Amino acid sequence: ADGAADVFRSVRKSSGLLDPAELPIEDFDELNVTQAVSAVKELADAAQVRDIVAYEEAHKNRHGVVSAAQARLAAIAQEVVGIN
């Protein structure tokens, strides 16, 4: 049963169908673009940033937030491979 639940959650995450309470940023839906961008820049886990991208694209689709999240993913990737 846990395997099925994990698959279901994975599908929901990739489609941006997470509940706002499941997001790694508290009260994300209540943040304006500037606040959301600032919060995204604080995330250190790529999976959490991907959750934000998927959720944002499926809901408000604010270009500034999506762009900042994608830039954060790139920065995390560079940190992982030791470029920065």
Protein backbone atom coordinates (compact mmCIF):
# COMPACT_ATOMS: atom_id res chain seq x y z
CA ALA A 1 0.00 0.00 0.00
CA ASP A 2 2.87 2.38 0.75
CA GLY A 3 4.24 1.85 -2.76
CA ALA A 4 0.95 2.87 -4.35
CA ALA A 5 0.73 5.92 -2.11
CA ASP A 6 4.27 6.92 -3.11
CA VAL A 7 3.43 6.55 -6.81
CA PHE A 8 0.25 8.59 -6.38
CA ARG A 9 2.12 11.36 -4.54
CA SER A 10 4.84 11.34 -7.20
CA VAL A 11 2.27 11.80 -9.96
CA ARG A 12 0.58 14.60 -8.00
CA LYS A 13 3.94 16.31 -7.42
CA SER A 14 5.02 16.16 -11.06
CA SER A 15 1.67 17.56 -12.19
CA GLY A 16 1.71 20.37 -9.64
CA LEU A 17 -1.34 18.97 -7.87
CA LEU A 18 0.12 19.15 -4.38
CA ASP A 19 -1.94 20.76 -1.67
CA PRO A 20 -0.43 24.12 -0.66
CA ALA A 21 0.20 22.69 2.82
CA GLU A 22 2.52 20.09 1.23
CA LEU A 23 4.82 22.72 -0.27
CA PRO A 24 8.23 23.37 1.29
CA ILE A 25 7.44 27.09 1.67
CA GLU A 26 4.86 27.94 4.32
CA ASP A 27 1.85 29.92 3.03
CA PHE A 28 3.32 29.93 -0.49
CA ASP A 29 -0.05 30.78 -2.05
CA GLU A 30 -0.23 33.93 0.06
CA LEU A 31 3.15 35.31 -1.03
CA ASN A 32 3.54 38.00 -3.65
CA VAL A 33 6.13 37.51 -6.40
CA THR A 34 8.94 39.25 -4.51
CA GLN A 35 8.30 37.22 -1.35
CA ALA A 36 7.98 33.95 -3.29
CA VAL A 37 11.22 34.57 -5.19
CA SER A 38 13.03 35.33 -1.94
CA ALA A 39 11.70 32.15 -0.33
CA VAL A 40 12.64 30.01 -3.35
CA LYS A 41 16.21 31.32 -3.18
CA GLU A 42 16.46 29.92 0.36
CA LEU A 43 15.62 26.34 -0.69
CA ALA A 44 18.59 23.97 -0.75
CA ASP A 45 16.88 20.78 -1.93
CA ALA A 46 16.35 20.38 -5.69
CA ALA A 47 13.25 18.21 -5.16
CA GLN A 48 11.63 20.98 -3.14
CA VAL A 49 12.40 23.53 -5.84
CA ARG A 50 10.93 21.20 -8.49
CA ASP A 51 7.78 20.91 -6.36
CA ILE A 52 7.51 24.70 -6.37
CA VAL A 53 8.02 24.90 -10.15
CA ALA A 54 5.36 22.26 -10.84
CA TYR A 55 2.90 23.81 -8.40
CA GLU A 56 3.47 27.36 -9.64
CA GLU A 57 3.13 26.34 -13.31
CA ALA A 58 -0.14 24.51 -12.55
CA HIS A 59 -1.63 27.34 -10.49
CA LYS A 60 -0.61 31.00 -10.61
CA ASN A 61 2.11 30.55 -13.27
CA ARG A 62 3.94 33.73 -12.28
CA HIS A 63 6.88 34.06 -14.66
CA GLY A 64 9.15 35.67 -12.06
CA VAL A 65 8.61 32.85 -9.58
CA VAL A 66 9.08 30.09 -12.17
CA SER A 67 12.20 31.80 -13.53
CA ALA A 68 13.69 32.22 -10.05
CA ALA A 69 12.97 28.59 -9.21
CA GLN A 70 14.61 27.40 -12.42
CA ALA A 71 17.64 29.59 -11.67
CA ARG A 72 17.78 28.09 -8.17
CA LEU A 73 17.72 24.58 -9.65
CA ALA A 74 20.65 25.52 -11.89
CA ALA A 75 22.56 26.94 -8.90
CA ILE A 76 21.95 23.78 -6.87
CA ALA A 77 23.16 21.65 -9.79
CA GLN A 78 26.33 23.75 -10.04
CA GLU A 79 26.93 23.35 -6.30
CA VAL A 80 26.51 19.58 -6.59
CA VAL A 81 29.06 19.25 -9.39
CA GLY A 82 31.41 21.71 -7.73
CA ILE A 83 31.27 24.55 -10.24
CA ASN A 84 30.52 27.12 -7.51
